[in-house]
Amino acid sequence: MIHIVDKVSSTNTWLSSNSSGGNDCILALQQTRGKGRAGRVWESPPGGLYLSIISPSHSLLPFIAGISVIQTLVGLKNRLRLKWPNDIILDGKKVGGILCEDDGKSAVAGIGINLNNSPSFPNSTNLVSIGHDLDEYRFLKSFSTVFRGNLQKSNQDIISRFRDYDCLLGRDISWGEATGIAKSITSDGSLEVLSDGKLVNLYSGDVHLE
């Protein structure tokens, strides 16, 4: 079932509490307590698109969600990229993000996209700035169909497609106090980095382009 509301505290929280399972999803135009990674608050002013969708538990769920966004926004496919682990990038700037919550049995994938809001964080953008008009309801219906189809694909297929869209591979990056070159996305979803002559694997955290 598709639920559409003007405002909600968090689409992930609402769906986790109110879903009857199956294909439930929710779309809101504002969140008052949106969730970001590591317990952060996701800025969610009016003018954005905030959605959550119920899913079976899946180790690559953030990848599936990101791939599905790009495949749904067909007209922008060549301008959109994914930045490991959970950012959606448009023309080199952040236009959205992904937060997945998984209890091992079921999961919720949450996605925020800047439509015509003016995000305050650095190096960000929105869809209206490039003249892209998005029908929120049509997007949600299409996204749900694409997302469900991608859930059926093998982990190998998911990783391969994420590599096609990832904007970090082959580039200099930093995380914490360390630096290196992003080399690959591995089969378990970690980011393989060459740092000080050694290959290391990152499983979470903030990664920045140098």
C-alpha atoms as a PDB file:
ATOM      1  CA  MET A   1       0.000   0.000   0.000  1.00  0.00           C
ATOM      2  CA  ILE A   2       1.192   3.516  -0.819  1.00  0.00           C
ATOM      3  CA  HIS A   3       0.828   6.145   1.908  1.00  0.00           C
ATOM      4  CA  ILE A   4       1.254   9.853   1.076  1.00  0.00           C
ATOM      5  CA  VAL A   5       1.447  12.539   3.762  1.00  0.00           C
ATOM      6  CA  ASP A   6       2.490  16.193   3.797  1.00  0.00           C
ATOM      7  CA  LYS A   7       4.577  15.939   6.962  1.00  0.00           C
ATOM      8  CA  VAL A   8       5.816  13.190   9.260  1.00  0.00           C
ATOM      9  CA  SER A   9       8.460  12.904  11.977  1.00  0.00           C
ATOM     10  CA  SER A  10      10.389  10.252  10.032  1.00  0.00           C
ATOM     11  CA  THR A  11       9.201   8.114   7.147  1.00  0.00           C
ATOM     12  CA  ASN A  12      11.318   5.206   8.401  1.00  0.00           C
ATOM     13  CA  THR A  13       9.847   5.431  11.897  1.00  0.00           C
ATOM     14  CA  TRP A  14       6.277   5.824  10.602  1.00  0.00           C
ATOM     15  CA  LEU A  15       6.535   2.860   8.245  1.00  0.00           C
ATOM     16  CA  SER A  16       8.189   0.634  10.848  1.00  0.00           C
ATOM     17  CA  SER A  17       5.292   1.324  13.223  1.00  0.00           C
ATOM     18  CA  ASN A  18       2.392   1.239  10.760  1.00  0.00           C
ATOM     19  CA  SER A  19       3.291  -1.195   8.011  1.00  0.00           C
ATOM     20  CA  SER A  20       1.366  -4.400   7.547  1.00  0.00           C
ATOM     21  CA  GLY A  21       4.266  -5.764   5.488  1.00  0.00           C
ATOM     22  CA  GLY A  22       4.166  -6.669   1.826  1.00  0.00           C
ATOM     23  CA  ASN A  23       4.745  -3.727  -0.500  1.00  0.00           C
ATOM     24  CA  ASP A  24       4.068  -0.876   1.911  1.00  0.00           C
ATOM     25  CA  CYS A  25       5.764   2.462   1.263  1.00  0.00           C
ATOM     26  CA  ILE A  26       5.322   6.057   2.373  1.00  0.00           C
ATOM     27  CA  LEU A  27       6.111   9.406   0.769  1.00  0.00           C
ATOM     28  CA  ALA A  28       6.271  12.719   2.645  1.00  0.00           C
ATOM     29  CA  LEU A  29       7.182  16.257   1.594  1.00  0.00           C
ATOM     30  CA  GLN A  30       8.648  17.133   4.998  1.00  0.00           C
ATOM     31  CA  GLN A  31      10.156  15.313   7.973  1.00  0.00           C
ATOM     32  CA  THR A  32      10.448  16.923  11.393  1.00  0.00           C
ATOM     33  CA  ARG A  33      12.924  14.368  12.741  1.00  0.00           C
ATOM     34  CA  GLY A  34      14.461  12.772   9.676  1.00  0.00           C
ATOM     35  CA  LYS A  35      17.104  10.126  10.281  1.00  0.00           C
ATOM     36  CA  GLY A  36      20.666  10.156   8.972  1.00  0.00           C
ATOM     37  CA  ARG A  37      23.520   7.723   9.441  1.00  0.00           C
ATOM     38  CA  ALA A  38      25.160   7.278  12.856  1.00  0.00           C
ATOM     39  CA  GLY A  39      22.194   8.825  14.659  1.00  0.00           C
ATOM     40  CA  ARG A  40      22.445  12.137  12.845  1.00  0.00           C
ATOM     41  CA  VAL A  41      19.423  14.244  11.991  1.00  0.00           C
ATOM     42  CA  TRP A  42      18.679  14.392   8.259  1.00  0.00           C
ATOM     43  CA  GLU A  43      17.666  17.913   7.273  1.00  0.00           C
ATOM     44  CA  SER A  44      14.218  17.471   5.746  1.00  0.00           C
ATOM     45  CA  PRO A  45      12.560  20.834   4.966  1.00  0.00           C
ATOM     46  CA  PRO A  46       9.460  21.299   2.808  1.00  0.00           C
ATOM     47  CA  GLY A  47      10.207  20.913  -0.881  1.00  0.00           C
ATOM     48  CA  GLY A  48      12.104  17.657  -0.633  1.00  0.00           C
ATOM     49  CA  LEU A  49      10.985  14.118  -1.339  1.00  0.00           C
ATOM     50  CA  TYR A  50      11.261  11.691   1.556  1.00  0.00           C
ATOM     51  CA  LEU A  51      10.210   8.086   1.142  1.00  0.00           C
ATOM     52  CA  SER A  52      10.554   4.746   2.849  1.00  0.00           C
ATOM     53  CA  ILE A  53       9.773   1.280   1.598  1.00  0.00           C
ATOM     54  CA  ILE A  54       9.437  -2.071   3.361  1.00  0.00           C
ATOM     55  CA  SER A  55      11.881  -4.769   2.309  1.00  0.00           C
ATOM     56  CA  PRO A  56      13.059  -8.200   3.336  1.00  0.00           C
ATOM     57  CA  SER A  57      16.333  -8.137   5.216  1.00  0.00           C
ATOM     58  CA  HIS A  58      19.201  -7.784   2.719  1.00  0.00           C
ATOM     59  CA  SER A  59      22.906  -7.129   3.270  1.00  0.00           C
ATOM     60  CA  LEU A  60      23.121  -4.898   0.168  1.00  0.00           C
ATOM     61  CA  LEU A  61      19.916  -2.948   0.732  1.00  0.00           C
ATOM     62  CA  PRO A  62      21.535   0.541   0.536  1.00  0.00           C
ATOM     63  CA  PHE A  63      23.034  -0.420  -2.822  1.00  0.00           C
ATOM     64  CA  ILE A  64      19.695  -1.697  -4.106  1.00  0.00           C
ATOM     65  CA  ALA A  65      17.979   1.513  -3.027  1.00  0.00           C
ATOM     66  CA  GLY A  66      20.587   3.732  -4.704  1.00  0.00           C
ATOM     67  CA  ILE A  67      20.612   1.765  -7.935  1.00  0.00           C
ATOM     68  CA  SER A  68      16.816   1.879  -8.020  1.00  0.00           C
ATOM     69  CA  VAL A  69      16.763   5.672  -7.660  1.00  0.00           C
ATOM     70  CA  ILE A  70      19.054   6.104 -10.661  1.00  0.00           C
ATOM     71  CA  GLN A  71      17.124   3.590 -12.741  1.00  0.00           C
ATOM     72  CA  THR A  72      13.846   5.356 -11.908  1.00  0.00           C
ATOM     73  CA  LEU A  73      15.157   8.823 -12.798  1.00  0.00           C
ATOM     74  CA  VAL A  74      15.767   7.714 -16.370  1.00  0.00           C
ATOM     75  CA  GLY A  75      16.138  11.230 -17.760  1.00  0.00           C
ATOM     76  CA  LEU A  76      19.037  11.950 -15.389  1.00  0.00           C
ATOM     77  CA  LYS A  77      20.718   8.559 -15.585  1.00  0.00           C
ATOM     78  CA  ASN A  78      23.905   9.884 -17.191  1.00  0.00           C
ATOM     79  CA  ARG A  79      24.233  12.687 -14.627  1.00  0.00           C
ATOM     80  CA  LEU A  80      23.578  10.695 -11.457  1.00  0.00           C
ATOM     81  CA  ARG A  81      26.138   8.723  -9.494  1.00  0.00           C
ATOM     82  CA  LEU A  82      26.302   6.900  -6.176  1.00  0.00           C
ATOM     83  CA  LYS A  83      28.925   7.678  -3.559  1.00  0.00           C
ATOM     84  CA  TRP A  84      29.691   4.788  -1.246  1.00  0.00           C
ATOM     85  CA  PRO A  85      28.106   4.055   1.107  1.00  0.00           C
ATOM     86  CA  ASN A  86      24.841   5.999   0.847  1.00  0.00           C
ATOM     87  CA  ASP A  87      24.945   9.301  -1.088  1.00  0.00           C
ATOM     88  CA  ILE A  88      23.166  10.156  -4.334  1.00  0.00           C
ATOM     89  CA  ILE A  89      25.227  12.552  -6.474  1.00  0.00           C
ATOM     90  CA  LEU A  90      24.067  14.820  -9.295  1.00  0.00           C
ATOM     91  CA  ASP A  91      26.721  16.537 -11.422  1.00  0.00           C
ATOM     92  CA  GLY A  92      29.265  16.096  -8.628  1.00  0.00           C
ATOM     93  CA  LYS A  93      27.025  17.455  -5.854  1.00  0.00           C
ATOM     94  CA  LYS A  94      24.924  15.649  -3.273  1.00  0.00           C
ATOM     95  CA  VAL A  95      21.248  15.576  -4.205  1.00  0.00           C
ATOM     96  CA  GLY A  96      20.052  12.839  -1.866  1.00  0.00           C
ATOM     97  CA  GLY A  97      20.878  10.168   0.648  1.00  0.00           C
ATOM     98  CA  ILE A  98      19.860   6.713   1.827  1.00  0.00           C
ATOM     99  CA  LEU A  99      19.304   5.254   5.285  1.00  0.00           C
ATOM    100  CA  CYS A 100      18.405   1.599   5.739  1.00  0.00           C
ATOM    101  CA  GLU A 101      17.343   0.040   9.025  1.00  0.00           C
ATOM    102  CA  ASP A 102      17.387  -3.742   9.332  1.00  0.00           C
ATOM    103  CA  ASP A 103      16.474  -5.932  12.307  1.00  0.00           C
ATOM    104  CA  GLY A 104      17.604  -9.148  10.607  1.00  0.00           C
ATOM    105  CA  LYS A 105      14.074 -10.212   9.656  1.00  0.00           C
ATOM    106  CA  SER A 106      12.702  -7.226   7.797  1.00  0.00           C
ATOM    107  CA  ALA A 107      14.037  -3.832   6.822  1.00  0.00           C
ATOM    108  CA  VAL A 108      13.071  -0.316   5.836  1.00  0.00           C
ATOM    109  CA  ALA A 109      14.915   1.597   3.117  1.00  0.00           C
ATOM    110  CA  GLY A 110      14.642   5.370   3.490  1.00  0.00           C
ATOM    111  CA  ILE A 111      15.548   7.839   0.746  1.00  0.00           C
ATOM    112  CA  GLY A 112      15.657  11.623   0.706  1.00  0.00           C
ATOM    113  CA  ILE A 113      15.961  13.651  -2.514  1.00  0.00           C
ATOM    114  CA  ASN A 114      16.263  17.433  -2.790  1.00  0.00           C
ATOM    115  CA  LEU A 115      13.550  18.636  -5.164  1.00  0.00           C
ATOM    116  CA  ASN A 116      13.025  22.380  -4.827  1.00  0.00           C
ATOM    117  CA  ASN A 117      14.295  22.883  -1.284  1.00  0.00           C
ATOM    118  CA  SER A 118      17.569  24.715  -0.648  1.00  0.00           C
ATOM    119  CA  PRO A 119      19.852  22.369   1.316  1.00  0.00           C
ATOM    120  CA  SER A 120      22.204  24.144   3.698  1.00  0.00           C
ATOM    121  CA  PHE A 121      25.039  21.617   3.716  1.00  0.00           C
ATOM    122  CA  PRO A 122      28.059  22.277   1.449  1.00  0.00           C
ATOM    123  CA  ASN A 123      28.386  20.966  -2.098  1.00  0.00           C
ATOM    124  CA  SER A 124      24.729  20.049  -2.440  1.00  0.00           C
ATOM    125  CA  THR A 125      22.107  20.663  -5.100  1.00  0.00           C
ATOM    126  CA  ASN A 126      18.478  20.023  -5.963  1.00  0.00           C
ATOM    127  CA  LEU A 127      16.539  18.893  -9.015  1.00  0.00           C
ATOM    128  CA  VAL A 128      14.820  22.205  -9.700  1.00  0.00           C
ATOM    129  CA  SER A 129      18.211  23.882 -10.210  1.00  0.00           C
ATOM    130  CA  ILE A 130      18.698  21.824 -13.376  1.00  0.00           C
ATOM    131  CA  GLY A 131      15.120  22.303 -14.540  1.00  0.00           C
ATOM    132  CA  HIS A 132      13.998  18.760 -13.700  1.00  0.00           C
ATOM    133  CA  ASP A 133      10.339  18.495 -12.744  1.00  0.00           C
ATOM    134  CA  LEU A 134       9.439  15.404 -10.727  1.00  0.00           C
ATOM    135  CA  ASP A 135       5.954  14.048 -10.088  1.00  0.00           C
ATOM    136  CA  GLU A 136       6.361  12.612  -6.595  1.00  0.00           C
ATOM    137  CA  TYR A 137       3.554  10.056  -6.784  1.00  0.00           C
ATOM    138  CA  ARG A 138       4.610   8.757 -10.203  1.00  0.00           C
ATOM    139  CA  PHE A 139       8.194   8.542  -9.005  1.00  0.00           C
ATOM    140  CA  LEU A 140       7.187   6.502  -5.946  1.00  0.00           C
ATOM    141  CA  LYS A 141       5.142   4.039  -8.007  1.00  0.00           C
ATOM    142  CA  SER A 142       7.947   3.579 -10.538  1.00  0.00           C
ATOM    143  CA  PHE A 143      10.612   3.369  -7.843  1.00  0.00           C
ATOM    144  CA  SER A 144       8.673   0.694  -5.966  1.00  0.00           C
ATOM    145  CA  THR A 145       8.454  -1.463  -9.090  1.00  0.00           C
ATOM    146  CA  VAL A 146      12.156  -1.046  -9.920  1.00  0.00           C
ATOM    147  CA  PHE A 147      13.170  -1.639  -6.290  1.00  0.00           C
ATOM    148  CA  ARG A 148      11.184  -4.885  -6.040  1.00  0.00           C
ATOM    149  CA  GLY A 149      12.758  -6.103  -9.269  1.00  0.00           C
ATOM    150  CA  ASN A 150      16.275  -5.351  -8.037  1.00  0.00           C
ATOM    151  CA  LEU A 151      15.609  -7.272  -4.812  1.00  0.00           C
ATOM    152  CA  GLN A 152      15.353 -10.407  -6.953  1.00  0.00           C
ATOM    153  CA  LYS A 153      18.784  -9.979  -8.516  1.00  0.00           C
ATOM    154  CA  SER A 154      21.918 -11.749  -7.346  1.00  0.00           C
ATOM    155  CA  ASN A 155      24.421 -10.032  -5.081  1.00  0.00           C
ATOM    156  CA  GLN A 156      26.931 -10.213  -7.912  1.00  0.00           C
ATOM    157  CA  ASP A 157      24.585  -8.314 -10.228  1.00  0.00           C
ATOM    158  CA  ILE A 158      23.896  -5.687  -7.556  1.00  0.00           C
ATOM    159  CA  ILE A 159      27.587  -5.109  -6.841  1.00  0.00           C
ATOM    160  CA  SER A 160      28.369  -4.928 -10.557  1.00  0.00           C
ATOM    161  CA  ARG A 161      25.724  -2.289 -11.166  1.00  0.00           C
ATOM    162  CA  PHE A 162      26.769  -0.282  -8.109  1.00  0.00           C
ATOM    163  CA  ARG A 163      30.337  -0.220  -9.442  1.00  0.00           C
ATOM    164  CA  ASP A 164      28.987   1.175 -12.715  1.00  0.00           C
ATOM    165  CA  TYR A 165      27.411   4.092 -10.847  1.00  0.00           C
ATOM    166  CA  ASP A 166      29.951   4.680  -8.068  1.00  0.00           C
ATOM    167  CA  CYS A 167      31.827   7.985  -8.266  1.00  0.00           C
ATOM    168  CA  LEU A 168      34.750   7.068  -5.977  1.00  0.00           C
ATOM    169  CA  LEU A 169      36.482   4.260  -7.837  1.00  0.00           C
ATOM    170  CA  GLY A 170      39.961   5.153  -9.062  1.00  0.00           C
ATOM    171  CA  ARG A 171      39.987   8.452  -7.189  1.00  0.00           C
ATOM    172  CA  ASP A 172      41.887   9.812  -4.182  1.00  0.00           C
ATOM    173  CA  ILE A 173      39.798   9.721  -1.016  1.00  0.00           C
ATOM    174  CA  SER A 174      40.142  10.357   2.689  1.00  0.00           C
ATOM    175  CA  TRP A 175      38.430   8.951   5.767  1.00  0.00           C
ATOM    176  CA  GLY A 176      39.272  10.000   9.274  1.00  0.00           C
ATOM    177  CA  GLU A 177      42.998  10.758   9.253  1.00  0.00           C
ATOM    178  CA  ALA A 178      43.792   8.303   6.460  1.00  0.00           C
ATOM    179  CA  THR A 179      44.002   8.709   2.688  1.00  0.00           C
ATOM    180  CA  GLY A 180      44.131   6.334  -0.240  1.00  0.00           C
ATOM    181  CA  ILE A 181      42.787   5.409  -3.662  1.00  0.00           C
ATOM    182  CA  ALA A 182      39.374   3.751  -3.954  1.00  0.00           C
ATOM    183  CA  LYS A 183      39.959   0.529  -5.884  1.00  0.00           C
ATOM    184  CA  SER A 184      36.776  -1.551  -5.843  1.00  0.00           C
ATOM    185  CA  ILE A 185      33.486  -2.481  -4.209  1.00  0.00           C
ATOM    186  CA  THR A 186      33.896  -6.017  -2.892  1.00  0.00           C
ATOM    187  CA  SER A 187      31.334  -8.823  -2.828  1.00  0.00           C
ATOM    188  CA  ASP A 188      30.341  -7.997   0.766  1.00  0.00           C
ATOM    189  CA  GLY A 189      29.725  -4.339  -0.070  1.00  0.00           C
ATOM    190  CA  SER A 190      32.884  -2.950   1.520  1.00  0.00           C
ATOM    191  CA  LEU A 191      35.041  -0.329  -0.176  1.00  0.00           C
ATOM    192  CA  GLU A 192      38.523  -1.602  -1.028  1.00  0.00           C
ATOM    193  CA  VAL A 193      41.141   1.116  -0.751  1.00  0.00           C
ATOM    194  CA  LEU A 194      44.876   1.202  -1.513  1.00  0.00           C
ATOM    195  CA  SER A 195      46.478   3.095   1.373  1.00  0.00           C
ATOM    196  CA  ASP A 196      50.224   3.277   2.082  1.00  0.00           C
ATOM    197  CA  GLY A 197      50.858   0.382  -0.279  1.00  0.00           C
ATOM    198  CA  LYS A 198      48.311  -1.910   1.378  1.00  0.00           C
ATOM    199  CA  LEU A 199      44.755  -2.872   0.522  1.00  0.00           C
ATOM    200  CA  VAL A 200      42.268  -2.117   3.282  1.00  0.00           C
ATOM    201  CA  ASN A 201      38.519  -2.568   3.406  1.00  0.00           C
ATOM    202  CA  LEU A 202      36.109   0.065   4.717  1.00  0.00           C
ATOM    203  CA  TYR A 203      32.736  -1.136   5.945  1.00  0.00           C
ATOM    204  CA  SER A 204      31.155   2.134   7.053  1.00  0.00           C
ATOM    205  CA  GLY A 205      31.925   5.756   7.778  1.00  0.00           C
ATOM    206  CA  ASP A 206      32.323   9.066   5.989  1.00  0.00           C
ATOM    207  CA  VAL A 207      34.502   9.072   2.886  1.00  0.00           C
ATOM    208  CA  HIS A 208      35.549  12.254   1.107  1.00  0.00           C
ATOM    209  CA  LEU A 209      36.972  12.932  -2.334  1.00  0.00           C
ATOM    210  CA  GLU A 210      40.337  14.679  -2.206  1.00  0.00           C
END
